[in-house]
PDB file of N, CA and C in Angstrom:
ATOM      1  N   MET A   1      35.167 -17.977 -27.339  1.00  0.00           N
ATOM      2  CA  MET A   1      36.002 -17.169 -26.477  1.00  0.00           C
ATOM      3  C   MET A   1      35.225 -15.952 -25.986  1.00  0.00           C
ATOM      4  N   ARG A   2      34.491 -15.362 -26.858  1.00  0.00           N
ATOM      5  CA  ARG A   2      33.742 -14.173 -26.497  1.00  0.00           C
ATOM      6  C   ARG A   2      32.641 -14.486 -25.489  1.00  0.00           C
ATOM      7  N   LYS A   3      32.018 -15.631 -25.617  1.00  0.00           N
ATOM      8  CA  LYS A   3      30.960 -16.027 -24.704  1.00  0.00           C
ATOM      9  C   LYS A   3      31.505 -16.173 -23.279  1.00  0.00           C
ATOM     10  N   ALA A   4      32.675 -16.676 -23.140  1.00  0.00           N
ATOM     11  CA  ALA A   4      33.268 -16.851 -21.812  1.00  0.00           C
ATOM     12  C   ALA A   4      33.463 -15.503 -21.133  1.00  0.00           C
ATOM     13  N   LYS A   5      33.903 -14.504 -21.871  1.00  0.00           N
ATOM     14  CA  LYS A   5      34.082 -13.170 -21.297  1.00  0.00           C
ATOM     15  C   LYS A   5      32.738 -12.581 -20.868  1.00  0.00           C
ATOM     16  N   ALA A   6      31.735 -12.741 -21.708  1.00  0.00           N
ATOM     17  CA  ALA A   6      30.410 -12.212 -21.383  1.00  0.00           C
ATOM     18  C   ALA A   6      29.852 -12.910 -20.145  1.00  0.00           C
ATOM     19  N   LYS A   7      30.065 -14.224 -20.061  1.00  0.00           N
ATOM     20  CA  LYS A   7      29.583 -14.983 -18.902  1.00  0.00           C
ATOM     21  C   LYS A   7      30.294 -14.530 -17.642  1.00  0.00           C
ATOM     22  N   LYS A   8      31.596 -14.304 -17.737  1.00  0.00           N
ATOM     23  CA  LYS A   8      32.377 -13.858 -16.581  1.00  0.00           C
ATOM     24  C   LYS A   8      31.912 -12.468 -16.127  1.00  0.00           C
ATOM     25  N   ALA A   9      31.644 -11.579 -17.062  1.00  0.00           N
ATOM     26  CA  ALA A   9      31.173 -10.233 -16.730  1.00  0.00           C
ATOM     27  C   ALA A   9      29.798 -10.297 -16.073  1.00  0.00           C
ATOM     28  N   ALA A  10      28.928 -11.163 -16.575  1.00  0.00           N
ATOM     29  CA  ALA A  10      27.593 -11.300 -15.997  1.00  0.00           C
ATOM     30  C   ALA A  10      27.677 -11.864 -14.584  1.00  0.00           C
ATOM     31  N   THR A  11      28.563 -12.813 -14.365  1.00  0.00           N
ATOM     32  CA  THR A  11      28.744 -13.395 -13.037  1.00  0.00           C
ATOM     33  C   THR A  11      29.282 -12.355 -12.072  1.00  0.00           C
ATOM     34  N   LYS A  12      30.202 -11.538 -12.532  1.00  0.00           N
ATOM     35  CA  LYS A  12      30.769 -10.488 -11.707  1.00  0.00           C
ATOM     36  C   LYS A  12      29.693  -9.468 -11.312  1.00  0.00           C
ATOM     37  N   ALA A  13      28.836  -9.116 -12.250  1.00  0.00           N
ATOM     38  CA  ALA A  13      27.790  -8.146 -11.978  1.00  0.00           C
ATOM     39  C   ALA A  13      26.787  -8.692 -10.960  1.00  0.00           C
ATOM     40  N   LYS A  14      26.468  -9.964 -11.037  1.00  0.00           N
ATOM     41  CA  LYS A  14      25.532 -10.573 -10.102  1.00  0.00           C
ATOM     42  C   LYS A  14      26.127 -10.660  -8.710  1.00  0.00           C
ATOM     43  N   ALA A  15      27.414 -10.856  -8.613  1.00  0.00           N
ATOM     44  CA  ALA A  15      28.055 -11.045  -7.319  1.00  0.00           C
ATOM     45  C   ALA A  15      28.168  -9.746  -6.525  1.00  0.00           C
ATOM     46  N   LYS A  16      28.080  -8.604  -7.205  1.00  0.00           N
ATOM     47  CA  LYS A  16      28.226  -7.324  -6.524  1.00  0.00           C
ATOM     48  C   LYS A  16      26.995  -7.047  -5.660  1.00  0.00           C
ATOM     49  N   PRO A  17      27.150  -6.918  -4.344  1.00  0.00           N
ATOM     50  CA  PRO A  17      25.992  -6.687  -3.471  1.00  0.00           C
ATOM     51  C   PRO A  17      25.479  -5.246  -3.586  1.00  0.00           C
ATOM     52  N   VAL A  18      24.210  -5.085  -3.330  1.00  0.00           N
ATOM     53  CA  VAL A  18      23.596  -3.772  -3.333  1.00  0.00           C
ATOM     54  C   VAL A  18      23.824  -3.141  -1.972  1.00  0.00           C
ATOM     55  N   SER A  19      24.274  -1.916  -1.952  1.00  0.00           N
ATOM     56  CA  SER A  19      24.548  -1.233  -0.702  1.00  0.00           C
ATOM     57  C   SER A  19      23.240  -0.813  -0.041  1.00  0.00           C
ATOM     58  N   THR A  20      23.010  -1.295   1.181  1.00  0.00           N
ATOM     59  CA  THR A  20      21.806  -0.930   1.933  1.00  0.00           C
ATOM     60  C   THR A  20      22.169  -0.252   3.241  1.00  0.00           C
ATOM     61  N   SER A  21      23.422   0.139   3.367  1.00  0.00           N
ATOM     62  CA  SER A  21      23.865   0.736   4.622  1.00  0.00           C
ATOM     63  C   SER A  21      23.294   2.135   4.827  1.00  0.00           C
ATOM     64  N   VAL A  22      23.010   2.863   3.743  1.00  0.00           N
ATOM     65  CA  VAL A  22      22.460   4.210   3.849  1.00  0.00           C
ATOM     66  C   VAL A  22      21.049   4.189   3.265  1.00  0.00           C
ATOM     67  N   PRO A  23      20.022   4.135   4.114  1.00  0.00           N
ATOM     68  CA  PRO A  23      18.660   4.086   3.576  1.00  0.00           C
ATOM     69  C   PRO A  23      18.254   5.424   2.965  1.00  0.00           C
ATOM     70  N   ASP A  24      17.455   5.348   1.947  1.00  0.00           N
ATOM     71  CA  ASP A  24      16.934   6.532   1.282  1.00  0.00           C
ATOM     72  C   ASP A  24      15.827   7.109   2.166  1.00  0.00           C
ATOM     73  N   PRO A  25      15.968   8.341   2.656  1.00  0.00           N
ATOM     74  CA  PRO A  25      14.968   8.894   3.578  1.00  0.00           C
ATOM     75  C   PRO A  25      13.584   9.047   2.952  1.00  0.00           C
ATOM     76  N   VAL A  26      13.525   9.341   1.671  1.00  0.00           N
ATOM     77  CA  VAL A  26      12.232   9.482   1.001  1.00  0.00           C
ATOM     78  C   VAL A  26      11.532   8.124   0.943  1.00  0.00           C
ATOM     79  N   MET A  27      12.272   7.102   0.576  1.00  0.00           N
ATOM     80  CA  MET A  27      11.687   5.760   0.499  1.00  0.00           C
ATOM     81  C   MET A  27      11.276   5.269   1.884  1.00  0.00           C
ATOM     82  N   ALA A  28      12.045   5.600   2.895  1.00  0.00           N
ATOM     83  CA  ALA A  28      11.700   5.202   4.261  1.00  0.00           C
ATOM     84  C   ALA A  28      10.397   5.866   4.700  1.00  0.00           C
ATOM     85  N   ARG A  29      10.223   7.143   4.381  1.00  0.00           N
ATOM     86  CA  ARG A  29       8.977   7.844   4.714  1.00  0.00           C
ATOM     87  C   ARG A  29       7.793   7.249   3.973  1.00  0.00           C
ATOM     88  N   ARG A  30       7.986   6.929   2.697  1.00  0.00           N
ATOM     89  CA  ARG A  30       6.905   6.329   1.923  1.00  0.00           C
ATOM     90  C   ARG A  30       6.518   4.966   2.483  1.00  0.00           C
ATOM     91  N   ALA A  31       7.515   4.175   2.816  1.00  0.00           N
ATOM     92  CA  ALA A  31       7.239   2.847   3.371  1.00  0.00           C
ATOM     93  C   ALA A  31       6.447   2.961   4.663  1.00  0.00           C
ATOM     94  N   LYS A  32       6.820   3.903   5.522  1.00  0.00           N
ATOM     95  CA  LYS A  32       6.100   4.087   6.782  1.00  0.00           C
ATOM     96  C   LYS A  32       4.689   4.582   6.517  1.00  0.00           C
ATOM     97  N   ALA A  33       4.528   5.479   5.557  1.00  0.00           N
ATOM     98  CA  ALA A  33       3.197   5.989   5.228  1.00  0.00           C
ATOM     99  C   ALA A  33       2.292   4.861   4.724  1.00  0.00           C
ATOM    100  N   TYR A  34       2.811   4.009   3.841  1.00  0.00           N
ATOM    101  CA  TYR A  34       2.011   2.884   3.351  1.00  0.00           C
ATOM    102  C   TYR A  34       1.682   1.921   4.479  1.00  0.00           C
ATOM    103  N   ARG A  35       2.638   1.710   5.357  1.00  0.00           N
ATOM    104  CA  ARG A  35       2.419   0.831   6.508  1.00  0.00           C
ATOM    105  C   ARG A  35       1.334   1.414   7.414  1.00  0.00           C
ATOM    106  N   ASP A  36       1.347   2.734   7.616  1.00  0.00           N
ATOM    107  CA  ASP A  36       0.336   3.390   8.449  1.00  0.00           C
ATOM    108  C   ASP A  36      -1.044   3.352   7.802  1.00  0.00           C
ATOM    109  N   MET A  37      -1.107   3.377   6.476  1.00  0.00           N
ATOM    110  CA  MET A  37      -2.391   3.364   5.763  1.00  0.00           C
ATOM    111  C   MET A  37      -3.013   1.976   5.689  1.00  0.00           C
ATOM    112  N   GLU A  38      -2.194   0.956   5.788  1.00  0.00           N
ATOM    113  CA  GLU A  38      -2.665  -0.408   5.531  1.00  0.00           C
ATOM    114  C   GLU A  38      -3.911  -0.805   6.326  1.00  0.00           C
ATOM    115  N   PRO A  39      -3.979  -0.602   7.644  1.00  0.00           N
ATOM    116  CA  PRO A  39      -5.195  -1.026   8.346  1.00  0.00           C
ATOM    117  C   PRO A  39      -6.437  -0.258   7.898  1.00  0.00           C
ATOM    118  N   HIS A  40      -6.268   1.001   7.519  1.00  0.00           N
ATOM    119  CA  HIS A  40      -7.402   1.797   7.058  1.00  0.00           C
ATOM    120  C   HIS A  40      -7.901   1.316   5.703  1.00  0.00           C
ATOM    121  N   VAL A  41      -6.997   0.953   4.821  1.00  0.00           N
ATOM    122  CA  VAL A  41      -7.378   0.420   3.519  1.00  0.00           C
ATOM    123  C   VAL A  41      -8.089  -0.922   3.703  1.00  0.00           C
ATOM    124  N   CYS A  42      -7.592  -1.737   4.616  1.00  0.00           N
ATOM    125  CA  CYS A  42      -8.240  -3.025   4.892  1.00  0.00           C
ATOM    126  C   CYS A  42      -9.643  -2.820   5.457  1.00  0.00           C
ATOM    127  N   ASP A  43      -9.814  -1.814   6.324  1.00  0.00           N
ATOM    128  CA  ASP A  43     -11.143  -1.500   6.861  1.00  0.00           C
ATOM    129  C   ASP A  43     -12.098  -1.084   5.744  1.00  0.00           C
ATOM    130  N   LEU A  44     -11.614  -0.287   4.812  1.00  0.00           N
ATOM    131  CA  LEU A  44     -12.452   0.131   3.685  1.00  0.00           C
ATOM    132  C   LEU A  44     -12.848  -1.069   2.819  1.00  0.00           C
ATOM    133  N   ALA A  45     -11.912  -1.935   2.570  1.00  0.00           N
ATOM    134  CA  ALA A  45     -12.207  -3.123   1.762  1.00  0.00           C
ATOM    135  C   ALA A  45     -13.227  -4.010   2.460  1.00  0.00           C
ATOM    136  N   ARG A  46     -13.083  -4.176   3.758  1.00  0.00           N
ATOM    137  CA  ARG A  46     -14.022  -5.004   4.519  1.00  0.00           C
ATOM    138  C   ARG A  46     -15.410  -4.359   4.545  1.00  0.00           C
ATOM    139  N   ALA A  47     -15.483  -3.041   4.704  1.00  0.00           N
ATOM    140  CA  ALA A  47     -16.768  -2.346   4.703  1.00  0.00           C
ATOM    141  C   ALA A  47     -17.475  -2.514   3.357  1.00  0.00           C
ATOM    142  N   ALA A  48     -16.734  -2.423   2.271  1.00  0.00           N
ATOM    143  CA  ALA A  48     -17.322  -2.616   0.946  1.00  0.00           C
ATOM    144  C   ALA A  48     -17.814  -4.051   0.786  1.00  0.00           C
ATOM    145  N   GLU A  49     -17.050  -4.999   1.296  1.00  0.00           N
ATOM    146  CA  GLU A  49     -17.447  -6.408   1.235  1.00  0.00           C
ATOM    147  C   GLU A  49     -18.739  -6.643   2.026  1.00  0.00           C
ATOM    148  N   LEU A  50     -18.822  -6.055   3.209  1.00  0.00           N
ATOM    149  CA  LEU A  50     -20.030  -6.198   4.021  1.00  0.00           C
ATOM    150  C   LEU A  50     -21.239  -5.561   3.347  1.00  0.00           C
ATOM    151  N   ALA A  51     -21.036  -4.427   2.698  1.00  0.00           N
ATOM    152  CA  ALA A  51     -22.133  -3.785   1.979  1.00  0.00           C
ATOM    153  C   ALA A  51     -22.642  -4.697   0.869  1.00  0.00           C
ATOM    154  N   MET A  52     -21.746  -5.350   0.186  1.00  0.00           N
ATOM    155  CA  MET A  52     -22.166  -6.259  -0.885  1.00  0.00           C
ATOM    156  C   MET A  52     -22.908  -7.465  -0.319  1.00  0.00           C
ATOM    157  N   LEU A  53     -22.480  -7.957   0.831  1.00  0.00           N
ATOM    158  CA  LEU A  53     -23.167  -9.090   1.450  1.00  0.00           C
ATOM    159  C   LEU A  53     -24.571  -8.711   1.911  1.00  0.00           C
ATOM    160  N   ALA A  54     -24.762  -7.440   2.244  1.00  0.00           N
ATOM    161  CA  ALA A  54     -26.057  -6.963   2.735  1.00  0.00           C
ATOM    162  C   ALA A  54     -26.952  -6.472   1.604  1.00  0.00           C
ATOM    163  N   SER A  55     -26.583  -6.700   0.384  1.00  0.00           N
ATOM    164  CA  SER A  55     -27.323  -6.126  -0.745  1.00  0.00           C
ATOM    165  C   SER A  55     -28.737  -6.689  -0.890  1.00  0.00           C
ATOM    166  N   ASP A  56     -29.040  -7.822  -0.279  1.00  0.00           N
ATOM    167  CA  ASP A  56     -30.384  -8.396  -0.369  1.00  0.00           C
ATOM    168  C   ASP A  56     -31.400  -7.647   0.493  1.00  0.00           C
ATOM    169  N   ASP A  57     -30.914  -7.062   1.588  1.00  0.00           N
ATOM    170  CA  ASP A  57     -31.794  -6.324   2.506  1.00  0.00           C
ATOM    171  C   ASP A  57     -31.571  -4.827   2.275  1.00  0.00           C
ATOM    172  N   GLU A  58     -32.568  -4.171   1.688  1.00  0.00           N
ATOM    173  CA  GLU A  58     -32.388  -2.784   1.265  1.00  0.00           C
ATOM    174  C   GLU A  58     -31.976  -1.852   2.402  1.00  0.00           C
ATOM    175  N   SER A  59     -32.630  -1.925   3.551  1.00  0.00           N
ATOM    176  CA  SER A  59     -32.303  -1.006   4.648  1.00  0.00           C
ATOM    177  C   SER A  59     -30.901  -1.287   5.203  1.00  0.00           C
ATOM    178  N   LEU A  60     -30.551  -2.562   5.308  1.00  0.00           N
ATOM    179  CA  LEU A  60     -29.211  -2.917   5.788  1.00  0.00           C
ATOM    180  C   LEU A  60     -28.153  -2.500   4.776  1.00  0.00           C
ATOM    181  N   PHE A  61     -28.460  -2.662   3.497  1.00  0.00           N
ATOM    182  CA  PHE A  61     -27.527  -2.260   2.446  1.00  0.00           C
ATOM    183  C   PHE A  61     -27.285  -0.756   2.484  1.00  0.00           C
ATOM    184  N   LEU A  62     -28.357   0.030   2.613  1.00  0.00           N
ATOM    185  CA  LEU A  62     -28.206   1.485   2.673  1.00  0.00           C
ATOM    186  C   LEU A  62     -27.383   1.902   3.887  1.00  0.00           C
ATOM    187  N   PHE A  63     -27.612   1.254   5.014  1.00  0.00           N
ATOM    188  CA  PHE A  63     -26.827   1.541   6.212  1.00  0.00           C
ATOM    189  C   PHE A  63     -25.350   1.230   5.969  1.00  0.00           C
ATOM    190  N   ALA A  64     -25.072   0.070   5.392  1.00  0.00           N
ATOM    191  CA  ALA A  64     -23.694  -0.340   5.137  1.00  0.00           C
ATOM    192  C   ALA A  64     -22.997   0.608   4.169  1.00  0.00           C
ATOM    193  N   VAL A  65     -23.706   1.016   3.138  1.00  0.00           N
ATOM    194  CA  VAL A  65     -23.119   1.939   2.155  1.00  0.00           C
ATOM    195  C   VAL A  65     -22.869   3.299   2.797  1.00  0.00           C
ATOM    196  N   GLU A  66     -23.785   3.746   3.654  1.00  0.00           N
ATOM    197  CA  GLU A  66     -23.598   5.019   4.352  1.00  0.00           C
ATOM    198  C   GLU A  66     -22.362   4.964   5.254  1.00  0.00           C
ATOM    199  N   GLN A  67     -22.196   3.867   5.962  1.00  0.00           N
ATOM    200  CA  GLN A  67     -21.022   3.710   6.821  1.00  0.00           C
ATOM    201  C   GLN A  67     -19.742   3.662   5.985  1.00  0.00           C
ATOM    202  N   PHE A  68     -19.800   2.948   4.878  1.00  0.00           N
ATOM    203  CA  PHE A  68     -18.646   2.873   3.989  1.00  0.00           C
ATOM    204  C   PHE A  68     -18.284   4.257   3.459  1.00  0.00           C
ATOM    205  N   GLU A  69     -19.286   5.022   3.070  1.00  0.00           N
ATOM    206  CA  GLU A  69     -19.041   6.371   2.549  1.00  0.00           C
ATOM    207  C   GLU A  69     -18.396   7.258   3.616  1.00  0.00           C
ATOM    208  N   THR A  70     -18.865   7.150   4.853  1.00  0.00           N
ATOM    209  CA  THR A  70     -18.286   7.922   5.962  1.00  0.00           C
ATOM    210  C   THR A  70     -16.819   7.546   6.176  1.00  0.00           C
ATOM    211  N   MET A  71     -16.549   6.248   6.157  1.00  0.00           N
ATOM    212  CA  MET A  71     -15.168   5.787   6.328  1.00  0.00           C
ATOM    213  C   MET A  71     -14.285   6.256   5.178  1.00  0.00           C
ATOM    214  N   ALA A  72     -14.806   6.187   3.961  1.00  0.00           N
ATOM    215  CA  ALA A  72     -14.024   6.599   2.788  1.00  0.00           C
ATOM    216  C   ALA A  72     -13.714   8.093   2.830  1.00  0.00           C
ATOM    217  N   GLN A  73     -14.689   8.898   3.235  1.00  0.00           N
ATOM    218  CA  GLN A  73     -14.457  10.346   3.333  1.00  0.00           C
ATOM    219  C   GLN A  73     -13.426  10.663   4.420  1.00  0.00           C
ATOM    220  N   ARG A  74     -13.499   9.959   5.541  1.00  0.00           N
ATOM    221  CA  ARG A  74     -12.528  10.161   6.619  1.00  0.00           C
ATOM    222  C   ARG A  74     -11.119   9.794   6.138  1.00  0.00           C
ATOM    223  N   PHE A  75     -11.028   8.675   5.425  1.00  0.00           N
ATOM    224  CA  PHE A  75      -9.739   8.260   4.871  1.00  0.00           C
ATOM    225  C   PHE A  75      -9.229   9.301   3.887  1.00  0.00           C
ATOM    226  N   ARG A  76     -10.105   9.793   3.023  1.00  0.00           N
ATOM    227  CA  ARG A  76      -9.719  10.784   2.017  1.00  0.00           C
ATOM    228  C   ARG A  76      -9.160  12.045   2.668  1.00  0.00           C
ATOM    229  N   LYS A  77      -9.835  12.530   3.713  1.00  0.00           N
ATOM    230  CA  LYS A  77      -9.360  13.730   4.415  1.00  0.00           C
ATOM    231  C   LYS A  77      -7.983  13.496   5.020  1.00  0.00           C
ATOM    232  N   ARG A  78      -7.799  12.338   5.646  1.00  0.00           N
ATOM    233  CA  ARG A  78      -6.489  12.040   6.233  1.00  0.00           C
ATOM    234  C   ARG A  78      -5.423  11.899   5.161  1.00  0.00           C
ATOM    235  N   TYR A  79      -5.772  11.285   4.057  1.00  0.00           N
ATOM    236  CA  TYR A  79      -4.814  11.094   2.960  1.00  0.00           C
ATOM    237  C   TYR A  79      -4.345  12.433   2.416  1.00  0.00           C
ATOM    238  N   TYR A  80      -5.282  13.329   2.111  1.00  0.00           N
ATOM    239  CA  TYR A  80      -4.907  14.615   1.530  1.00  0.00           C
ATOM    240  C   TYR A  80      -4.300  15.561   2.558  1.00  0.00           C
ATOM    241  N   ALA A  81      -4.549  15.318   3.828  1.00  0.00           N
ATOM    242  CA  ALA A  81      -3.901  16.114   4.875  1.00  0.00           C
ATOM    243  C   ALA A  81      -2.501  15.571   5.158  1.00  0.00           C
ATOM    244  N   GLU A  82      -2.148  14.492   4.455  1.00  0.00           N
ATOM    245  CA  GLU A  82      -0.855  13.832   4.613  1.00  0.00           C
ATOM    246  C   GLU A  82      -0.616  13.366   6.039  1.00  0.00           C
ATOM    247  N   GLU A  83      -1.674  12.864   6.671  1.00  0.00           N
ATOM    248  CA  GLU A  83      -1.529  12.324   8.018  1.00  0.00           C
ATOM    249  C   GLU A  83      -0.825  10.973   7.994  1.00  0.00           C
ATOM    250  N   PHE A  84      -0.661  10.403   6.822  1.00  0.00           N
ATOM    251  CA  PHE A  84       0.045   9.132   6.677  1.00  0.00           C
ATOM    252  C   PHE A  84       1.482   9.389   6.228  1.00  0.00           C
ATOM    253  N   SER A  85       2.001  10.548   6.563  1.00  0.00           N
ATOM    254  CA  SER A  85       3.303  10.959   6.021  1.00  0.00           C
ATOM    255  C   SER A  85       4.464  10.165   6.577  1.00  0.00           C
ATOM    256  N   GLY A  86       4.263   9.427   7.631  1.00  0.00           N
ATOM    257  CA  GLY A  86       5.354   8.646   8.199  1.00  0.00           C
ATOM    258  C   GLY A  86       6.141   9.414   9.236  1.00  0.00           C
ATOM    259  N   ASP A  87       5.709  10.602   9.599  1.00  0.00           N
ATOM    260  CA  ASP A  87       6.406  11.373  10.623  1.00  0.00           C
ATOM    261  C   ASP A  87       5.832  11.070  11.999  1.00  0.00           C
TER     262      ASP A  87
END
């Protein structure tokens, strides 16, 4: 008898929909900021991948690492300046 009540309560809890009519403004800003950062993060990952592929040629590797470092510093400045704030 007790199991039936617990099962009914669990079913009732699952059936209750989550209210999404009022979005959380903080979460919306964060989502937009992450969305804005995504192409820059992908560029950094690709630059690091290219540097690793060029590791056999010393001059090409140094060039790739220098470019990666420049991109990473630019990203860092934008990140700490909160340019990805979603505004």
